[in-house]
């Protein structure tokens, strides 16, 4: 449901994108911002409305 794509070629500025089927679409450029996006992406996995709804259906 959620994808994180990181590009960090040697000697270049790292970039990352975080997308999800729920409509989330975020990007970051630069080392610090990419690290922040990675943490935010991990948190989103626990908060995503699509994943929460699916887990509730499976529990029922």
PDB file of N, CA and C in Angstrom:
ATOM      1  N   UNK A   1       0.801  -1.193   0.000  1.00  0.00           N
ATOM      2  CA  UNK A   1       0.000   0.000   0.000  1.00  0.00           C
ATOM      3  C   UNK A   1       0.849   1.266   0.000  1.00  0.00           C
ATOM      4  N   UNK A   2       1.943   1.265   0.740  1.00  0.00           N
ATOM      5  CA  UNK A   2       2.802   2.445   0.808  1.00  0.00           C
ATOM      6  C   UNK A   2       4.180   2.100   0.253  1.00  0.00           C
ATOM      7  N   UNK A   3       4.764   3.038  -0.487  1.00  0.00           N
ATOM      8  CA  UNK A   3       6.068   2.826  -1.094  1.00  0.00           C
ATOM      9  C   UNK A   3       7.011   3.943  -0.707  1.00  0.00           C
ATOM     10  N   UNK A   4       8.240   3.579  -0.442  1.00  0.00           N
ATOM     11  CA  UNK A   4       9.290   4.543  -0.149  1.00  0.00           C
ATOM     12  C   UNK A   4      10.418   4.293  -1.143  1.00  0.00           C
ATOM     13  N   UNK A   5      10.767   5.318  -1.900  1.00  0.00           N
ATOM     14  CA  UNK A   5      11.845   5.192  -2.879  1.00  0.00           C
ATOM     15  C   UNK A   5      12.935   6.182  -2.505  1.00  0.00           C
ATOM     16  N   UNK A   6      14.153   5.668  -2.307  1.00  0.00           N
ATOM     17  CA  UNK A   6      15.288   6.503  -1.916  1.00  0.00           C
ATOM     18  C   UNK A   6      16.365   6.384  -2.990  1.00  0.00           C
ATOM     19  N   UNK A   7      16.906   7.527  -3.389  1.00  0.00           N
ATOM     20  CA  UNK A   7      18.010   7.551  -4.344  1.00  0.00           C
ATOM     21  C   UNK A   7      19.148   8.344  -3.714  1.00  0.00           C
ATOM     22  N   UNK A   8      20.289   7.674  -3.538  1.00  0.00           N
ATOM     23  CA  UNK A   8      21.436   8.331  -2.917  1.00  0.00           C
ATOM     24  C   UNK A   8      22.718   7.940  -3.636  1.00  0.00           C
ATOM     25  N   UNK A   9      22.879   8.416  -4.870  1.00  0.00           N
ATOM     26  CA  UNK A   9      24.106   8.102  -5.606  1.00  0.00           C
ATOM     27  C   UNK A   9      25.325   8.712  -4.911  1.00  0.00           C
ATOM     28  N   UNK A  10      26.430   8.027  -5.012  1.00  0.00           N
ATOM     29  CA  UNK A  10      27.669   8.508  -4.389  1.00  0.00           C
ATOM     30  C   UNK A  10      28.020   9.897  -4.925  1.00  0.00           C
ATOM     31  N   UNK A  11      28.226  10.827  -4.007  1.00  0.00           N
ATOM     32  CA  UNK A  11      28.632  12.170  -4.383  1.00  0.00           C
ATOM     33  C   UNK A  11      27.492  13.087  -4.793  1.00  0.00           C
ATOM     34  N   UNK A  12      26.245  12.605  -4.738  1.00  0.00           N
ATOM     35  CA  UNK A  12      25.095  13.430  -5.141  1.00  0.00           C
ATOM     36  C   UNK A  12      24.166  13.639  -3.945  1.00  0.00           C
ATOM     37  N   UNK A  13      23.296  14.590  -4.066  1.00  0.00           N
ATOM     38  CA  UNK A  13      22.321  14.874  -3.025  1.00  0.00           C
ATOM     39  C   UNK A  13      21.250  13.775  -3.005  1.00  0.00           C
ATOM     40  N   UNK A  14      20.987  13.170  -1.833  1.00  0.00           N
ATOM     41  CA  UNK A  14      19.968  12.123  -1.767  1.00  0.00           C
ATOM     42  C   UNK A  14      18.556  12.694  -1.932  1.00  0.00           C
ATOM     43  N   UNK A  15      17.685  11.886  -2.518  1.00  0.00           N
ATOM     44  CA  UNK A  15      16.279  12.252  -2.667  1.00  0.00           C
ATOM     45  C   UNK A  15      15.422  11.052  -2.249  1.00  0.00           C
ATOM     46  N   UNK A  16      14.174  11.315  -1.895  1.00  0.00           N
ATOM     47  CA  UNK A  16      13.266  10.240  -1.522  1.00  0.00           C
ATOM     48  C   UNK A  16      11.833  10.657  -1.815  1.00  0.00           C
ATOM     49  N   UNK A  17      11.000   9.668  -2.110  1.00  0.00           N
ATOM     50  CA  UNK A  17       9.568   9.890  -2.267  1.00  0.00           C
ATOM     51  C   UNK A  17       8.825   8.846  -1.450  1.00  0.00           C
ATOM     52  N   UNK A  18       7.723   9.262  -0.865  1.00  0.00           N
ATOM     53  CA  UNK A  18       6.860   8.391  -0.085  1.00  0.00           C
ATOM     54  C   UNK A  18       5.457   8.530  -0.657  1.00  0.00           C
ATOM     55  N   UNK A  19       4.916   7.435  -1.173  1.00  0.00           N
ATOM     56  CA  UNK A  19       3.571   7.462  -1.737  1.00  0.00           C
ATOM     57  C   UNK A  19       2.755   6.323  -1.142  1.00  0.00           C
ATOM     58  N   UNK A  20       1.443   6.495  -1.174  1.00  0.00           N
ATOM     59  CA  UNK A  20       0.545   5.489  -0.630  1.00  0.00           C
ATOM     60  C   UNK A  20      -0.757   5.538  -1.412  1.00  0.00           C
ATOM     61  N   UNK A  21      -1.438   4.422  -1.458  1.00  0.00           N
ATOM     62  CA  UNK A  21      -2.714   4.373  -2.167  1.00  0.00           C
ATOM     63  C   UNK A  21      -3.780   5.264  -1.528  1.00  0.00           C
ATOM     64  N   UNK A  22      -3.584   5.668  -0.284  1.00  0.00           N
ATOM     65  CA  UNK A  22      -4.555   6.538   0.385  1.00  0.00           C
ATOM     66  C   UNK A  22      -4.479   7.973  -0.136  1.00  0.00           C
ATOM     67  N   UNK A  23      -3.474   8.271  -0.973  1.00  0.00           N
ATOM     68  CA  UNK A  23      -3.336   9.614  -1.531  1.00  0.00           C
ATOM     69  C   UNK A  23      -2.093  10.338  -1.051  1.00  0.00           C
ATOM     70  N   UNK A  24      -1.379   9.770  -0.135  1.00  0.00           N
ATOM     71  CA  UNK A  24      -0.149  10.386   0.374  1.00  0.00           C
ATOM     72  C   UNK A  24       0.880  10.448  -0.755  1.00  0.00           C
ATOM     73  N   UNK A  25       1.528  11.595  -0.901  1.00  0.00           N
ATOM     74  CA  UNK A  25       2.570  11.774  -1.916  1.00  0.00           C
ATOM     75  C   UNK A  25       3.513  12.861  -1.415  1.00  0.00           C
ATOM     76  N   UNK A  26       4.624  12.443  -0.823  1.00  0.00           N
ATOM     77  CA  UNK A  26       5.577  13.397  -0.262  1.00  0.00           C
ATOM     78  C   UNK A  26       6.959  13.117  -0.816  1.00  0.00           C
ATOM     79  N   UNK A  27       7.789  14.161  -0.842  1.00  0.00           N
ATOM     80  CA  UNK A  27       9.154  13.987  -1.333  1.00  0.00           C
ATOM     81  C   UNK A  27      10.109  14.810  -0.478  1.00  0.00           C
ATOM     82  N   UNK A  28      11.393  14.460  -0.549  1.00  0.00           N
ATOM     83  CA  UNK A  28      12.419  15.165   0.221  1.00  0.00           C
ATOM     84  C   UNK A  28      13.713  15.193  -0.579  1.00  0.00           C
ATOM     85  N   UNK A  29      14.458  16.273  -0.389  1.00  0.00           N
ATOM     86  CA  UNK A  29      15.769  16.430  -1.022  1.00  0.00           C
ATOM     87  C   UNK A  29      16.745  16.853   0.063  1.00  0.00           C
ATOM     88  N   UNK A  30      17.864  16.157   0.136  1.00  0.00           N
ATOM     89  CA  UNK A  30      18.877  16.466   1.139  1.00  0.00           C
ATOM     90  C   UNK A  30      18.904  15.431   2.248  1.00  0.00           C
ATOM     91  N   UNK A  31      20.074  15.227   2.810  1.00  0.00           N
ATOM     92  CA  UNK A  31      20.290  14.167   3.786  1.00  0.00           C
ATOM     93  C   UNK A  31      19.311  14.236   4.969  1.00  0.00           C
ATOM     94  N   UNK A  32      19.251  15.362   5.634  1.00  0.00           N
ATOM     95  CA  UNK A  32      18.398  15.507   6.830  1.00  0.00           C
ATOM     96  C   UNK A  32      16.921  15.324   6.481  1.00  0.00           C
ATOM     97  N   UNK A  33      16.472  15.944   5.386  1.00  0.00           N
ATOM     98  CA  UNK A  33      15.066  15.843   5.001  1.00  0.00           C
ATOM     99  C   UNK A  33      14.700  14.425   4.577  1.00  0.00           C
ATOM    100  N   UNK A  34      15.619  13.714   3.933  1.00  0.00           N
ATOM    101  CA  UNK A  34      15.353  12.326   3.550  1.00  0.00           C
ATOM    102  C   UNK A  34      15.211  11.464   4.806  1.00  0.00           C
ATOM    103  N   UNK A  35      16.093  11.663   5.787  1.00  0.00           N
ATOM    104  CA  UNK A  35      15.976  10.915   7.038  1.00  0.00           C
ATOM    105  C   UNK A  35      14.647  11.200   7.735  1.00  0.00           C
ATOM    106  N   UNK A  36      14.215  12.458   7.719  1.00  0.00           N
ATOM    107  CA  UNK A  36      12.926  12.813   8.309  1.00  0.00           C
ATOM    108  C   UNK A  36      11.769  12.141   7.565  1.00  0.00           C
ATOM    109  N   UNK A  37      11.861  12.087   6.241  1.00  0.00           N
ATOM    110  CA  UNK A  37      10.812  11.453   5.451  1.00  0.00           C
ATOM    111  C   UNK A  37      10.755   9.943   5.721  1.00  0.00           C
ATOM    112  N   UNK A  38      11.899   9.320   5.908  1.00  0.00           N
ATOM    113  CA  UNK A  38      11.924   7.888   6.233  1.00  0.00           C
ATOM    114  C   UNK A  38      11.173   7.647   7.543  1.00  0.00           C
ATOM    115  N   UNK A  39      11.432   8.455   8.544  1.00  0.00           N
ATOM    116  CA  UNK A  39      10.741   8.318   9.832  1.00  0.00           C
ATOM    117  C   UNK A  39       9.250   8.587   9.679  1.00  0.00           C
ATOM    118  N   UNK A  40       8.901   9.603   8.897  1.00  0.00           N
ATOM    119  CA  UNK A  40       7.499   9.939   8.667  1.00  0.00           C
ATOM    120  C   UNK A  40       6.785   8.817   7.918  1.00  0.00           C
ATOM    121  N   UNK A  41       7.469   8.222   6.967  1.00  0.00           N
ATOM    122  CA  UNK A  41       6.896   7.106   6.202  1.00  0.00           C
ATOM    123  C   UNK A  41       6.604   5.921   7.125  1.00  0.00           C
ATOM    124  N   UNK A  42       7.532   5.615   8.014  1.00  0.00           N
ATOM    125  CA  UNK A  42       7.334   4.516   8.964  1.00  0.00           C
ATOM    126  C   UNK A  42       6.138   4.796   9.868  1.00  0.00           C
ATOM    127  N   UNK A  43       5.996   6.026  10.320  1.00  0.00           N
ATOM    128  CA  UNK A  43       4.856   6.389  11.168  1.00  0.00           C
ATOM    129  C   UNK A  43       3.552   6.293  10.386  1.00  0.00           C
ATOM    130  N   UNK A  44       3.580   6.670   9.119  1.00  0.00           N
ATOM    131  CA  UNK A  44       2.373   6.615   8.289  1.00  0.00           C
ATOM    132  C   UNK A  44       1.859   5.185   8.164  1.00  0.00           C
ATOM    133  N   UNK A  45       2.751   4.237   8.120  1.00  0.00           N
ATOM    134  CA  UNK A  45       2.332   2.838   7.993  1.00  0.00           C
ATOM    135  C   UNK A  45       1.418   2.433   9.138  1.00  0.00           C
ATOM    136  N   UNK A  46       1.644   2.985  10.335  1.00  0.00           N
ATOM    137  CA  UNK A  46       0.794   2.676  11.486  1.00  0.00           C
ATOM    138  C   UNK A  46      -0.492   3.497  11.497  1.00  0.00           C
ATOM    139  N   UNK A  47      -0.519   4.613  10.768  1.00  0.00           N
ATOM    140  CA  UNK A  47      -1.654   5.533  10.808  1.00  0.00           C
ATOM    141  C   UNK A  47      -2.502   5.548   9.542  1.00  0.00           C
ATOM    142  N   UNK A  48      -2.067   4.880   8.500  1.00  0.00           N
ATOM    143  CA  UNK A  48      -2.759   4.923   7.215  1.00  0.00           C
ATOM    144  C   UNK A  48      -4.198   4.444   7.351  1.00  0.00           C
ATOM    145  N   UNK A  49      -5.165   5.231   6.878  1.00  0.00           N
ATOM    146  CA  UNK A  49      -6.567   4.823   6.991  1.00  0.00           C
ATOM    147  C   UNK A  49      -6.877   3.546   6.203  1.00  0.00           C
ATOM    148  N   UNK A  50      -6.189   3.304   5.112  1.00  0.00           N
ATOM    149  CA  UNK A  50      -6.433   2.076   4.345  1.00  0.00           C
ATOM    150  C   UNK A  50      -5.956   0.853   5.111  1.00  0.00           C
ATOM    151  N   UNK A  51      -4.805   0.949   5.725  1.00  0.00           N
ATOM    152  CA  UNK A  51      -4.274  -0.186   6.481  1.00  0.00           C
ATOM    153  C   UNK A  51      -5.080  -0.425   7.755  1.00  0.00           C
ATOM    154  N   UNK A  52      -5.469   0.628   8.444  1.00  0.00           N
ATOM    155  CA  UNK A  52      -6.255   0.498   9.663  1.00  0.00           C
ATOM    156  C   UNK A  52      -7.594  -0.156   9.356  1.00  0.00           C
ATOM    157  N   UNK A  53      -8.248   0.259   8.275  1.00  0.00           N
ATOM    158  CA  UNK A  53      -9.530  -0.310   7.885  1.00  0.00           C
ATOM    159  C   UNK A  53      -9.376  -1.782   7.536  1.00  0.00           C
ATOM    160  N   UNK A  54      -8.325  -2.137   6.824  1.00  0.00           N
ATOM    161  CA  UNK A  54      -8.102  -3.525   6.432  1.00  0.00           C
ATOM    162  C   UNK A  54      -7.840  -4.396   7.666  1.00  0.00           C
ATOM    163  N   UNK A  55      -7.049  -3.911   8.623  1.00  0.00           N
ATOM    164  CA  UNK A  55      -6.781  -4.678   9.820  1.00  0.00           C
ATOM    165  C   UNK A  55      -8.049  -4.890  10.643  1.00  0.00           C
ATOM    166  N   UNK A  56      -8.906  -3.869  10.688  1.00  0.00           N
ATOM    167  CA  UNK A  56     -10.167  -4.012  11.412  1.00  0.00           C
ATOM    168  C   UNK A  56     -11.062  -5.058  10.745  1.00  0.00           C
ATOM    169  N   UNK A  57     -11.071  -5.086   9.416  1.00  0.00           N
ATOM    170  CA  UNK A  57     -11.868  -6.086   8.697  1.00  0.00           C
ATOM    171  C   UNK A  57     -11.352  -7.491   8.990  1.00  0.00           C
ATOM    172  N   UNK A  58     -10.044  -7.637   9.016  1.00  0.00           N
ATOM    173  CA  UNK A  58      -9.463  -8.952   9.280  1.00  0.00           C
ATOM    174  C   UNK A  58      -9.740  -9.421  10.707  1.00  0.00           C
ATOM    175  N   UNK A  59      -9.810  -8.494  11.662  1.00  0.00           N
ATOM    176  CA  UNK A  59     -10.069  -8.850  13.052  1.00  0.00           C
ATOM    177  C   UNK A  59     -11.529  -9.237  13.280  1.00  0.00           C
ATOM    178  N   UNK A  60     -12.417  -8.736  12.431  1.00  0.00           N
ATOM    179  CA  UNK A  60     -13.865  -8.969  12.624  1.00  0.00           C
ATOM    180  C   UNK A  60     -14.292 -10.346  12.240  1.00  0.00           C
TER     181      UNK A  60
END
